[in-house]
Amino acid sequence: MSTADLVFTGGPVFTGDPARTRAGSLAVVGERITAVGHDEVRDLIGPRTEVVDLKGKLLIPGFQDAHIHAVYGGVELAECDLSGTTGVDEYRTIIAEFAAAHPDHEWITGGGWSLESFEGGLPTRQLLDSVVADRPVCLVNRDHHGSWVNSRALELAGITADTADPVDGRIERDADGVPTGVLQEGASALVSRLVPPSTTADRVAGLLRAQALLHSLGITGWQDALLGEFSGKPDPSDAYVAAALDGTLTARVTGALWWERLRGAEQLPELVARREKLSHGRFRAGSVKIMQDGIAENFTAAMTSPYLDGCGCATTNTGMSFVDPEALRGYVTELDALDFQVHFHALGDRAVREALDAIEAAVAANGRRGNRHHLAHLQVVHPDDIPRFARLGALANIQPLWAAHEPQMDELTIPFLGPERAAWQYPFGDLVRAGATLVAGSDWPVSSPDPLAGLHVAVNRAEPGATDGRVFLPEQRLDLTTALAAYTAGSAHVNGHDDAGSLRAGHLADLVVLDRDILSGPPEEIASATVEQTFVGGERVYAS
């Protein structure tokens, strides 16, 4: 009998395999699991076998993130980072200290500011001018759907009261039409296109910085949700190719190629060529990202009925569909025929419906080709569309951290949706009960990439550490096993890794050791768990 390279014993082991959800030991040879069981697995221990005594700690499949922007997130870690606070005075201090520490920077860039920090979610250029007036400043918000800029940046971009809004965005203005310093959606590119671009070396460094962070959180693979030039930012694809070719990419990564929303089917041959050119080693570019709408907080998410105003009255604004819905059906049908997966950003209920309509058109034209199309975010889903996910085989890509009471939800979303639509938000439980397959992601750097924090909110529908007892739509809570499956087997499935995401013989040894058994502990303590070790293909990539 051959011996194992690596044996975990002293369980528990959560396999994610319906035939055996719990075991006590697991053995690895090379990059694959060779045995899952109990004491009998110890027979595979030889003189050169590394033995990991779990001592009651939990071994689980590696987490995969189904929607993340890893290169952007890693690059931003080295920029002016406002994500650690929501205080305006703290923002001023951080920006001033960063500018002082980097006198050679032509531009001050970064972001992570929260909409709830400012009245109506709208900071002003004057506030930035009071901190940095001599250099242009461009700071994206936490959602990455808008930018806060100072007067110098507006001046360099030539943005005045006479500047028209782009078709896919909005320049916020005062009562006299003068730009106030916030650029929404596609309007951000009016300034960001002037920012000196990062280099390939910068992007590779950002990727490796992100990879180290993600491995420390137990993430062994992910889908990068935007590979292409967007809002003035350069295409991060070169970082993945470089890391895949030199062996520094230890994670398994699927890339979603950006669908340029102001172009049409003429870009299809380019996407086919990019898919072939970019796919190397542990990186493959077989998905296409279509951003169908914006976000609810700035009223650009596409809704089936109008947003409300501050008085609760209906406005004339129903948000933005960035791609014409009829054209979308044709594009998705063609992408499906070319065996691309389509990765939709669909946040409002109209965008969700338009994406499902497009998948339905593709299925009608092409039959079921198994391309695993998925809709990310799903903030507002009309009840009539819940059953369509299972019927069409559309995967529900959830970002659980957002499904909780917090200031942005309570102050900038619920009042402008109204009670009926507010109750349609993040319907995880309804989707599961209707037979949909859930996959999970973070959208980092929009929000924390920590899967344990996401699991906590998916199960509790409250933020980690919340003490007010409020539960956001409790009927939409998930049990922990279902939520864990979304972050492991579900996301591995959508990322095309059918031999990962569950622990069974023959599968890849992508593994995570947690410091405790979260499956037997109280649900309100899920986020208190930490990752002790992470393995990709049997190789340890993180140890605490």
Protein backbone atom coordinates (compact mmCIF):
# COMPACT_ATOMS: atom_id res chain seq x y z
CA MET A 1 0.00 0.00 0.00
CA SER A 2 1.40 3.43 -0.96
CA THR A 3 1.62 6.05 1.73
CA ALA A 4 0.25 9.58 1.71
CA ASP A 5 2.17 12.83 1.45
CA LEU A 6 -0.18 14.56 3.88
CA VAL A 7 -2.69 13.23 6.39
CA PHE A 8 -5.15 15.22 8.50
CA THR A 9 -6.45 13.38 11.53
CA GLY A 10 -8.25 14.12 14.77
CA GLY A 11 -11.15 15.75 12.84
CA PRO A 12 -13.81 16.88 12.40
CA VAL A 13 -13.71 17.01 8.60
CA PHE A 14 -16.62 18.68 6.77
CA THR A 15 -16.55 17.03 3.37
CA GLY A 16 -19.39 18.82 1.62
CA ASP A 17 -20.16 15.43 0.04
CA PRO A 18 -23.85 14.50 0.45
CA ALA A 19 -22.84 10.86 0.96
CA ARG A 20 -20.57 11.71 3.88
CA THR A 21 -20.78 15.19 5.34
CA ARG A 22 -18.56 14.45 8.35
CA ALA A 23 -15.36 12.43 8.64
CA GLY A 24 -12.40 12.31 10.98
CA SER A 25 -9.36 11.98 8.70
CA LEU A 26 -8.23 12.80 5.18
CA ALA A 27 -5.18 11.82 3.12
CA VAL A 28 -3.46 13.60 0.21
CA VAL A 29 -1.03 12.34 -2.42
CA GLY A 30 0.40 15.01 -4.69
CA GLU A 31 -2.28 17.59 -5.39
CA ARG A 32 -5.28 15.31 -4.83
CA ILE A 33 -7.23 13.74 -2.02
CA THR A 34 -6.80 9.96 -1.93
CA ALA A 35 -8.88 8.95 1.10
CA VAL A 36 -11.55 10.38 3.36
CA GLY A 37 -12.68 8.48 6.40
CA HIS A 38 -11.84 7.83 10.02
CA ASP A 39 -9.10 5.89 11.82
CA GLU A 40 -8.46 3.65 8.80
CA VAL A 41 -6.93 6.62 6.94
CA ARG A 42 -4.04 6.54 9.43
CA ASP A 43 -2.88 3.36 7.71
CA LEU A 44 -1.63 5.64 4.90
CA ILE A 45 0.86 7.37 7.20
CA GLY A 46 4.45 6.52 6.28
CA PRO A 47 7.88 7.76 7.34
CA ARG A 48 7.71 10.76 5.02
CA THR A 49 4.05 11.64 5.56
CA GLU A 50 3.32 15.05 7.08
CA VAL A 51 0.64 14.55 9.72
CA VAL A 52 -1.61 17.43 10.76
CA ASP A 53 -3.35 16.74 14.06
CA LEU A 54 -6.53 18.81 13.89
CA LYS A 55 -7.15 18.44 17.64
CA GLY A 56 -10.85 19.02 17.13
CA LYS A 57 -10.40 21.94 14.74
CA LEU A 58 -12.46 21.90 11.55
CA LEU A 59 -11.10 20.91 8.14
CA ILE A 60 -13.24 22.18 5.24
CA PRO A 61 -12.94 22.58 1.46
CA GLY A 62 -11.15 25.73 0.37
CA PHE A 63 -13.36 28.76 -0.01
CA GLN A 64 -13.82 30.18 -3.51
CA ASP A 65 -14.98 33.72 -4.20
CA ALA A 66 -17.37 33.94 -7.16
CA HIS A 67 -17.17 37.73 -7.59
CA ILE A 68 -14.09 39.72 -6.62
CA HIS A 69 -11.71 42.32 -8.04
CA ALA A 70 -8.46 40.99 -6.67
CA VAL A 71 -5.93 43.01 -8.67
CA TYR A 72 -7.80 46.28 -8.10
CA GLY A 73 -8.11 45.44 -4.42
CA GLY A 74 -4.43 44.64 -4.09
CA VAL A 75 -3.38 47.84 -5.87
CA GLU A 76 -5.70 49.91 -3.69
CA LEU A 77 -4.10 48.52 -0.54
CA ALA A 78 -1.07 50.64 -1.46
CA GLU A 79 -3.13 53.80 -2.14
CA CYS A 80 -5.07 56.21 0.08
CA ASP A 81 -7.33 53.77 1.91
CA LEU A 82 -10.45 55.17 3.58
CA SER A 83 -12.16 51.81 4.12
CA GLY A 84 -11.33 51.51 7.82
CA THR A 85 -13.67 54.24 9.01
CA THR A 86 -16.88 56.12 8.23
CA GLY A 87 -15.93 59.34 10.01
CA VAL A 88 -15.52 62.50 7.93
CA ASP A 89 -12.82 63.89 10.24
CA GLU A 90 -10.94 60.59 9.95
CA TYR A 91 -11.21 60.82 6.15
CA ARG A 92 -9.64 64.28 6.26
CA THR A 93 -6.80 63.07 8.46
CA ILE A 94 -6.07 59.99 6.33
CA ILE A 95 -6.09 61.98 3.08
CA ALA A 96 -3.86 64.72 4.52
CA GLU A 97 -1.38 62.20 5.95
CA PHE A 98 -1.25 60.24 2.71
CA ALA A 99 -0.66 63.38 0.65
CA ALA A 100 2.09 64.52 3.03
CA ALA A 101 3.74 61.09 2.91
CA HIS A 102 3.72 61.02 -0.90
CA PRO A 103 4.78 64.47 -2.11
CA ASP A 104 6.00 62.92 -5.37
CA HIS A 105 2.55 61.61 -6.35
CA GLU A 106 1.10 63.67 -9.18
CA TRP A 107 -2.39 62.50 -8.21
CA ILE A 108 -3.86 61.37 -4.88
CA THR A 109 -5.86 58.22 -5.62
CA GLY A 110 -7.52 55.50 -3.60
CA GLY A 111 -10.93 55.26 -2.01
CA GLY A 112 -13.19 53.22 0.21
CA TRP A 113 -15.33 56.07 1.55
CA SER A 114 -18.87 55.21 2.59
CA LEU A 115 -21.97 56.89 1.26
CA GLU A 116 -23.57 57.01 4.71
CA SER A 117 -20.78 59.33 5.87
CA PHE A 118 -22.32 62.22 3.95
CA GLU A 119 -25.79 63.69 3.69
CA GLY A 120 -27.50 62.07 0.73
CA GLY A 121 -24.34 60.04 0.12
CA LEU A 122 -22.69 63.08 -1.50
CA PRO A 123 -19.40 64.58 -0.29
CA THR A 124 -18.17 67.86 -1.78
CA ARG A 125 -15.13 69.02 -3.71
CA GLN A 126 -14.73 71.85 -1.17
CA LEU A 127 -14.07 69.33 1.59
CA LEU A 128 -11.29 67.76 -0.46
CA ASP A 129 -9.97 71.19 -1.46
CA SER A 130 -9.51 72.04 2.23
CA VAL A 131 -7.15 69.08 2.56
CA VAL A 132 -5.42 68.92 -0.85
CA ALA A 133 -5.77 71.87 -3.22
CA ASP A 134 -2.51 71.80 -5.15
CA ARG A 135 -2.90 68.33 -6.70
CA PRO A 136 -5.85 66.50 -8.23
CA VAL A 137 -7.61 63.99 -5.99
CA CYS A 138 -9.80 61.11 -7.18
CA LEU A 139 -11.20 58.72 -4.56
CA VAL A 140 -13.68 55.98 -5.47
CA ASN A 141 -16.44 55.15 -3.02
CA ARG A 142 -16.76 51.83 -1.23
CA ASP A 143 -19.12 50.53 -3.92
CA HIS A 144 -16.82 51.63 -6.76
CA HIS A 145 -19.79 53.14 -8.58
CA GLY A 146 -18.83 56.75 -7.98
CA SER A 147 -15.83 59.02 -7.42
CA TRP A 148 -15.16 61.96 -5.11
CA VAL A 149 -12.90 64.53 -6.76
CA ASN A 150 -11.52 67.93 -5.85
CA SER A 151 -11.67 71.16 -7.82
CA ARG A 152 -8.26 70.63 -9.34
CA ALA A 153 -9.36 67.27 -10.79
CA LEU A 154 -12.52 68.83 -12.24
CA GLU A 155 -10.46 71.64 -13.74
CA LEU A 156 -7.99 69.26 -15.39
CA ALA A 157 -10.88 67.22 -16.83
CA GLY A 158 -12.61 70.35 -18.13
CA ILE A 159 -15.82 69.53 -16.23
CA THR A 160 -18.01 72.60 -15.78
CA ALA A 161 -21.68 73.43 -15.47
CA ASP A 162 -21.86 73.16 -19.26
CA THR A 163 -20.52 69.58 -19.39
CA ALA A 164 -23.19 67.08 -20.39
CA ASP A 165 -23.72 63.88 -18.44
CA PRO A 166 -22.39 60.79 -20.24
CA VAL A 167 -25.03 58.27 -21.30
CA ASP A 168 -23.91 55.81 -18.64
CA GLY A 169 -23.40 58.16 -15.72
CA ARG A 170 -24.20 61.39 -13.92
CA ILE A 171 -22.31 64.46 -12.76
CA GLU A 172 -23.74 65.59 -9.42
CA ARG A 173 -24.47 69.32 -9.44
CA ASP A 174 -25.64 72.08 -7.12
CA ALA A 175 -28.75 74.19 -7.68
CA ASP A 176 -26.86 76.33 -10.21
CA GLY A 177 -25.67 73.31 -12.17
CA VAL A 178 -22.08 73.55 -10.91
CA PRO A 179 -20.39 70.15 -10.38
CA THR A 180 -20.21 69.37 -6.66
CA GLY A 181 -17.38 66.86 -6.76
CA VAL A 182 -19.14 63.50 -7.12
CA LEU A 183 -19.17 61.61 -10.42
CA GLN A 184 -21.53 58.64 -10.66
CA GLU A 185 -21.00 55.50 -12.73
CA GLY A 186 -19.58 56.22 -16.20
CA ALA A 187 -19.02 59.89 -15.34
CA SER A 188 -16.10 58.79 -13.16
CA ALA A 189 -14.10 58.08 -16.29
CA LEU A 190 -14.13 61.78 -17.19
CA VAL A 191 -11.54 62.23 -14.43
CA SER A 192 -10.05 58.78 -13.89
CA ARG A 193 -8.87 58.60 -17.50
CA LEU A 194 -6.40 61.36 -16.62
CA VAL A 195 -4.86 59.48 -13.69
CA PRO A 196 -1.39 58.15 -14.56
CA PRO A 197 -1.96 54.45 -15.23
CA SER A 198 -0.45 51.75 -13.08
CA THR A 199 2.28 49.65 -14.67
CA THR A 200 2.27 45.90 -15.20
CA ALA A 201 4.70 45.65 -12.28
CA ASP A 202 2.25 47.62 -10.09
CA ARG A 203 -0.57 45.28 -11.05
CA VAL A 204 1.46 42.12 -10.46
CA ALA A 205 2.47 43.46 -7.05
CA GLY A 206 -1.19 44.21 -6.34
CA LEU A 207 -2.22 40.70 -7.37
CA LEU A 208 0.37 39.06 -5.15
CA ARG A 209 -0.56 41.36 -2.26
CA ALA A 210 -4.21 40.38 -2.74
CA GLN A 211 -3.41 36.68 -3.11
CA ALA A 212 -1.56 36.63 0.21
CA LEU A 213 -4.53 38.29 1.92
CA LEU A 214 -7.07 35.96 0.31
CA HIS A 215 -5.11 32.82 1.17
CA SER A 216 -4.96 34.03 4.78
CA LEU A 217 -8.77 34.06 4.72
CA GLY A 218 -8.96 30.49 3.39
CA ILE A 219 -9.68 31.46 -0.24
CA THR A 220 -8.11 29.04 -2.70
CA GLY A 221 -9.73 30.30 -5.91
CA TRP A 222 -11.86 33.07 -7.28
CA GLN A 223 -13.52 34.70 -10.27
CA ASP A 224 -12.15 38.14 -11.08
CA ALA A 225 -15.27 39.99 -12.13
CA LEU A 226 -13.79 42.58 -14.48
CA LEU A 227 -10.90 42.05 -16.86
CA GLY A 228 -10.68 45.01 -19.20
CA GLU A 229 -10.31 48.77 -19.18
CA PHE A 230 -13.02 50.31 -17.02
CA SER A 231 -13.64 53.79 -15.65
CA GLY A 232 -10.13 54.90 -16.55
CA LYS A 233 -8.47 51.90 -14.89
CA PRO A 234 -6.17 49.69 -16.95
CA ASP A 235 -6.89 46.05 -17.74
CA PRO A 236 -5.56 43.79 -14.93
CA SER A 237 -5.31 40.74 -17.22
CA ASP A 238 -1.56 41.15 -17.72
CA ALA A 239 -0.97 40.61 -14.00
CA TYR A 240 -2.72 37.25 -14.08
CA VAL A 241 -0.87 36.09 -17.19
CA ALA A 242 2.50 37.11 -15.76
CA ALA A 243 1.83 35.37 -12.43
CA ALA A 244 0.42 32.26 -14.12
CA LEU A 245 3.46 31.95 -16.39
CA ASP A 246 6.08 32.45 -13.66
CA GLY A 247 4.32 30.20 -11.16
CA THR A 248 3.56 32.85 -8.54
CA LEU A 249 -0.20 32.47 -9.08
CA THR A 250 -1.01 29.82 -6.49
CA ALA A 251 -4.78 30.37 -6.54
CA ARG A 252 -7.15 28.99 -9.18
CA VAL A 253 -8.61 31.98 -11.03
CA THR A 254 -11.33 32.42 -13.61
CA GLY A 255 -11.39 35.78 -15.36
CA ALA A 256 -14.54 37.55 -16.55
CA LEU A 257 -13.74 39.58 -19.67
CA TRP A 258 -15.37 43.01 -19.69
CA TRP A 259 -18.25 43.57 -22.11
CA GLU A 260 -17.89 47.15 -23.29
CA ARG A 261 -21.41 48.40 -22.78
CA LEU A 262 -21.22 51.18 -25.36
CA ARG A 263 -20.27 48.67 -28.07
CA GLY A 264 -22.12 45.72 -29.55
CA ALA A 265 -21.61 42.31 -31.13
CA GLU A 266 -18.54 43.52 -33.03
CA GLN A 267 -16.51 42.80 -29.89
CA LEU A 268 -17.31 39.07 -29.93
CA PRO A 269 -14.29 38.05 -32.06
CA GLU A 270 -12.06 40.09 -29.76
CA LEU A 271 -13.39 38.23 -26.72
CA VAL A 272 -12.76 34.87 -28.39
CA ALA A 273 -9.19 35.91 -29.15
CA ARG A 274 -8.62 37.19 -25.62
CA ARG A 275 -9.96 33.97 -24.10
CA GLU A 276 -7.36 31.98 -26.01
CA LYS A 277 -4.51 34.43 -25.47
CA LEU A 278 -5.00 34.92 -21.73
CA SER A 279 -5.63 31.37 -20.49
CA HIS A 280 -2.50 29.89 -18.92
CA GLY A 281 -1.83 27.52 -16.02
CA ARG A 282 -4.12 28.23 -13.10
CA PHE A 283 -5.71 31.18 -14.90
CA ARG A 284 -8.39 30.91 -17.55
CA ALA A 285 -10.54 33.63 -19.09
CA GLY A 286 -13.75 31.83 -20.05
CA SER A 287 -16.33 34.22 -18.61
CA VAL A 288 -17.74 37.54 -19.88
CA LYS A 289 -18.90 40.24 -17.47
CA ILE A 290 -21.94 42.32 -18.43
CA MET A 291 -22.81 45.13 -16.04
CA GLN A 292 -26.51 45.61 -16.62
CA ASP A 293 -27.18 48.32 -14.03
CA GLY A 294 -25.68 50.36 -11.19
CA ILE A 295 -26.47 50.49 -7.47
CA ALA A 296 -29.55 51.41 -5.47
CA GLU A 297 -27.87 54.01 -3.26
CA ASN A 298 -27.21 56.38 -6.17
CA PHE A 299 -30.47 55.43 -7.92
CA THR A 300 -28.80 53.77 -10.92
CA ALA A 301 -29.87 50.19 -10.17
CA ALA A 302 -32.54 49.28 -12.74
CA MET A 303 -35.98 48.94 -11.12
CA THR A 304 -39.36 47.86 -12.45
CA SER A 305 -40.97 50.86 -10.71
CA PRO A 306 -39.65 54.32 -9.79
CA TYR A 307 -37.50 55.20 -6.83
CA LEU A 308 -39.14 57.22 -4.08
CA ASP A 309 -38.03 60.67 -2.97
CA GLY A 310 -37.30 61.82 0.56
CA CYS A 311 -41.00 62.29 1.20
CA GLY A 312 -41.90 58.79 0.05
CA CYS A 313 -43.42 59.92 -3.26
CA ALA A 314 -42.66 58.23 -6.58
CA THR A 315 -40.11 59.96 -8.80
CA THR A 316 -39.67 59.53 -12.54
CA ASN A 317 -36.37 57.65 -12.10
CA THR A 318 -36.27 53.86 -12.52
CA GLY A 319 -32.48 53.58 -12.78
CA MET A 320 -30.28 52.62 -15.72
CA SER A 321 -30.14 49.57 -17.99
CA PHE A 322 -26.64 49.94 -19.37
CA VAL A 323 -27.26 47.46 -22.20
CA ASP A 324 -30.48 47.65 -24.21
CA PRO A 325 -32.56 44.66 -23.01
CA GLU A 326 -33.46 43.48 -26.52
CA ALA A 327 -29.85 43.71 -27.66
CA LEU A 328 -28.78 41.94 -24.47
CA ARG A 329 -30.80 38.87 -25.41
CA GLY A 330 -28.96 38.67 -28.72
CA TYR A 331 -25.52 39.21 -27.20
CA VAL A 332 -26.03 36.55 -24.54
CA THR A 333 -27.34 34.08 -27.12
CA GLU A 334 -24.19 34.58 -29.19
CA LEU A 335 -21.89 34.39 -26.17
CA ASP A 336 -23.58 31.18 -25.04
CA ALA A 337 -23.17 29.67 -28.53
CA LEU A 338 -19.45 30.44 -28.25
CA ASP A 339 -19.38 28.62 -24.90
CA PHE A 340 -18.68 31.68 -22.82
CA GLN A 341 -20.10 31.87 -19.35
CA VAL A 342 -21.95 35.17 -18.82
CA HIS A 343 -21.41 36.88 -15.47
CA PHE A 344 -24.08 39.56 -14.96
CA HIS A 345 -24.02 42.48 -12.57
CA ALA A 346 -27.74 42.62 -11.84
CA LEU A 347 -28.73 44.52 -8.73
CA GLY A 348 -32.21 45.95 -9.30
CA ASP A 349 -35.27 43.84 -10.06
CA ARG A 350 -35.50 45.09 -13.66
CA ALA A 351 -31.85 44.24 -14.31
CA VAL A 352 -32.39 40.77 -12.79
CA ARG A 353 -35.39 40.24 -15.07
CA GLU A 354 -33.49 41.48 -18.14
CA ALA A 355 -30.60 39.12 -17.40
CA LEU A 356 -32.94 36.16 -16.89
CA ASP A 357 -34.76 37.05 -20.12
CA ALA A 358 -31.41 36.99 -21.92
CA ILE A 359 -30.52 33.57 -20.50
CA GLU A 360 -33.98 32.31 -21.46
CA ALA A 361 -33.41 33.51 -25.04
CA ALA A 362 -30.04 31.73 -25.14
CA VAL A 363 -31.54 28.47 -23.89
CA ALA A 364 -34.35 28.70 -26.44
CA ALA A 365 -31.90 29.27 -29.28
CA ASN A 366 -29.00 27.02 -28.26
CA GLY A 367 -30.40 24.45 -25.87
CA ARG A 368 -28.71 23.87 -22.52
CA ARG A 369 -24.96 24.08 -23.11
CA GLY A 370 -23.92 24.00 -19.46
CA ASN A 371 -22.15 27.36 -19.48
CA ARG A 372 -23.16 28.20 -15.90
CA HIS A 373 -24.38 31.76 -16.42
CA HIS A 374 -24.77 33.63 -13.15
CA LEU A 375 -26.29 36.81 -11.78
CA ALA A 376 -24.29 38.66 -9.14
CA HIS A 377 -25.56 40.91 -6.34
CA LEU A 378 -29.34 40.31 -6.57
CA GLN A 379 -30.22 43.08 -4.16
CA VAL A 380 -33.84 43.39 -5.30
CA VAL A 381 -35.49 40.40 -6.97
CA HIS A 382 -39.16 40.48 -7.94
CA PRO A 383 -40.95 37.43 -6.45
CA ASP A 384 -42.15 36.41 -9.93
CA ASP A 385 -38.53 35.90 -10.99
CA ILE A 386 -37.39 33.73 -8.07
CA PRO A 387 -38.52 30.42 -9.66
CA ARG A 388 -36.84 31.27 -12.97
CA PHE A 389 -33.33 30.69 -11.60
CA ALA A 390 -33.84 26.95 -11.17
CA ARG A 391 -35.93 26.66 -14.31
CA LEU A 392 -33.23 28.28 -16.47
CA GLY A 393 -30.22 26.88 -14.64
CA ALA A 394 -29.12 30.43 -13.78
CA LEU A 395 -26.85 30.51 -10.74
CA ALA A 396 -27.53 33.00 -7.94
CA ASN A 397 -24.27 34.75 -7.05
CA ILE A 398 -24.79 36.27 -3.60
CA GLN A 399 -22.75 38.77 -1.59
CA PRO A 400 -24.07 37.97 1.90
CA LEU A 401 -22.31 40.77 3.79
CA TRP A 402 -24.73 43.29 2.32
CA ALA A 403 -27.85 41.57 3.71
CA ALA A 404 -27.92 43.30 7.08
CA HIS A 405 -29.14 46.43 8.80
CA GLU A 406 -26.40 49.06 8.58
CA PRO A 407 -26.48 52.80 7.85
CA GLN A 408 -26.27 52.54 4.08
CA MET A 409 -29.16 50.08 4.03
CA ASP A 410 -31.30 51.88 6.59
CA GLU A 411 -30.67 55.48 5.50
CA LEU A 412 -29.89 55.37 1.78
CA THR A 413 -31.74 52.32 0.48
CA ILE A 414 -34.90 51.28 2.34
CA PRO A 415 -36.50 54.79 2.37
CA PHE A 416 -36.07 55.11 -1.40
CA LEU A 417 -37.32 51.62 -2.24
CA GLY A 418 -40.43 51.61 -0.09
CA PRO A 419 -41.64 48.75 2.12
CA GLU A 420 -42.71 46.30 -0.61
CA ARG A 421 -39.46 46.38 -2.57
CA ALA A 422 -37.35 46.61 0.59
CA ALA A 423 -38.76 43.20 1.53
CA TRP A 424 -37.51 41.73 -1.78
CA GLN A 425 -33.86 42.35 -0.92
CA TYR A 426 -31.26 39.59 -0.94
CA PRO A 427 -33.82 36.74 -0.99
CA PHE A 428 -31.36 33.94 -0.24
CA GLY A 429 -33.86 31.72 1.55
CA ASP A 430 -36.50 32.09 -1.16
CA LEU A 431 -33.96 31.23 -3.86
CA VAL A 432 -32.90 28.04 -2.05
CA ARG A 433 -36.50 27.00 -1.43
CA ALA A 434 -37.19 27.52 -5.15
CA GLY A 435 -34.34 25.19 -6.09
CA ALA A 436 -31.72 27.73 -7.18
CA THR A 437 -28.02 26.97 -6.86
CA LEU A 438 -26.27 29.53 -4.68
CA VAL A 439 -22.67 30.64 -5.22
CA ALA A 440 -21.03 33.26 -3.05
CA GLY A 441 -18.56 36.09 -3.32
CA SER A 442 -17.49 39.34 -1.70
CA ASP A 443 -17.04 41.99 -4.43
CA TRP A 444 -13.85 43.02 -2.59
CA PRO A 445 -12.61 45.77 -2.42
CA VAL A 446 -16.23 46.94 -2.25
CA SER A 447 -16.62 44.95 0.98
CA SER A 448 -14.55 42.60 3.11
CA PRO A 449 -13.29 39.47 1.35
CA ASP A 450 -13.55 37.42 4.57
CA PRO A 451 -15.78 34.38 3.88
CA LEU A 452 -16.35 33.79 7.60
CA ALA A 453 -17.87 37.27 7.91
CA GLY A 454 -20.04 36.52 4.87
CA LEU A 455 -21.14 33.19 6.34
CA HIS A 456 -22.02 34.96 9.57
CA VAL A 457 -24.36 37.39 7.81
CA ALA A 458 -25.87 34.73 5.55
CA VAL A 459 -26.84 32.72 8.64
CA ASN A 460 -27.70 35.53 11.06
CA ARG A 461 -28.80 38.35 8.69
CA ALA A 462 -26.96 40.69 11.06
CA GLU A 463 -23.47 42.13 10.94
CA PRO A 464 -20.74 40.53 13.06
CA GLY A 465 -20.71 42.25 16.42
CA ALA A 466 -24.21 43.71 16.05
CA THR A 467 -25.80 44.17 19.47
CA ASP A 468 -29.14 45.78 18.68
CA GLY A 469 -30.91 42.47 18.04
CA ARG A 470 -32.26 43.53 14.64
CA VAL A 471 -32.42 40.78 12.00
CA PHE A 472 -32.74 41.82 8.36
CA LEU A 473 -35.60 39.84 6.77
CA PRO A 474 -35.15 36.78 9.01
CA GLU A 475 -37.10 34.49 6.66
CA GLN A 476 -34.19 34.81 4.21
CA ARG A 477 -31.60 33.37 6.60
CA LEU A 478 -29.62 30.32 5.45
CA ASP A 479 -28.57 27.38 7.57
CA LEU A 480 -24.79 27.18 7.93
CA THR A 481 -24.38 24.01 5.84
CA THR A 482 -26.18 25.64 2.90
CA ALA A 483 -24.19 28.85 3.24
CA LEU A 484 -20.91 26.93 3.50
CA ALA A 485 -21.81 24.95 0.37
CA ALA A 486 -22.33 28.24 -1.51
CA TYR A 487 -18.83 29.44 -0.57
CA THR A 488 -17.18 26.11 -1.46
CA ALA A 489 -18.90 23.67 -3.84
CA GLY A 490 -21.19 26.36 -5.31
CA SER A 491 -18.43 28.82 -6.15
CA ALA A 492 -16.12 26.04 -7.33
CA HIS A 493 -18.92 24.98 -9.69
CA VAL A 494 -19.45 28.45 -11.14
CA ASN A 495 -15.68 28.86 -11.51
CA GLY A 496 -15.47 25.62 -13.49
CA HIS A 497 -13.61 23.60 -10.86
CA ASP A 498 -15.79 20.52 -10.57
CA ASP A 499 -12.99 18.62 -8.85
CA ALA A 500 -12.82 21.13 -6.01
CA GLY A 501 -15.27 22.49 -3.45
CA SER A 502 -15.91 19.19 -1.66
CA LEU A 503 -13.58 16.71 0.01
CA ARG A 504 -13.73 13.34 -1.68
CA ALA A 505 -11.17 10.94 -3.12
CA GLY A 506 -9.87 12.16 -6.48
CA HIS A 507 -10.69 15.82 -5.82
CA LEU A 508 -8.12 18.58 -5.57
CA ALA A 509 -6.64 19.01 -2.12
CA ASP A 510 -7.77 22.63 -1.72
CA LEU A 511 -8.25 22.71 2.04
CA VAL A 512 -8.72 25.05 4.98
CA VAL A 513 -8.18 24.44 8.69
CA LEU A 514 -10.31 26.65 10.95
CA ASP A 515 -9.45 27.27 14.58
CA ARG A 516 -12.80 25.80 15.71
CA ASP A 517 -15.77 23.74 14.59
CA ILE A 518 -18.20 26.44 13.48
CA LEU A 519 -20.79 23.78 12.61
CA SER A 520 -21.22 22.82 16.25
CA GLY A 521 -20.85 26.29 17.77
CA PRO A 522 -23.44 29.04 18.23
CA PRO A 523 -24.28 30.83 14.95
CA GLU A 524 -23.68 34.25 16.46
CA GLU A 525 -19.98 33.31 16.86
CA ILE A 526 -19.27 32.25 13.26
CA ALA A 527 -17.33 35.43 12.46
CA SER A 528 -15.11 34.90 15.50
CA ALA A 529 -13.49 31.88 13.84
CA THR A 530 -10.16 32.31 12.08
CA VAL A 531 -8.20 30.45 9.43
CA GLU A 532 -5.12 28.60 10.68
CA GLN A 533 -3.91 26.95 7.47
CA THR A 534 -4.74 27.03 3.76
CA PHE A 535 -3.67 24.48 1.16
CA VAL A 536 -3.97 24.62 -2.64
CA GLY A 537 -3.35 21.34 -4.43
CA GLY A 538 -1.86 19.89 -1.25
CA GLU A 539 0.65 22.73 -0.92
CA ARG A 540 0.46 24.95 2.17
CA VAL A 541 0.01 28.55 1.01
CA TYR A 542 -0.81 30.07 4.41
CA ALA A 543 -0.16 29.28 8.05
CA SER A 544 -1.06 31.57 10.92
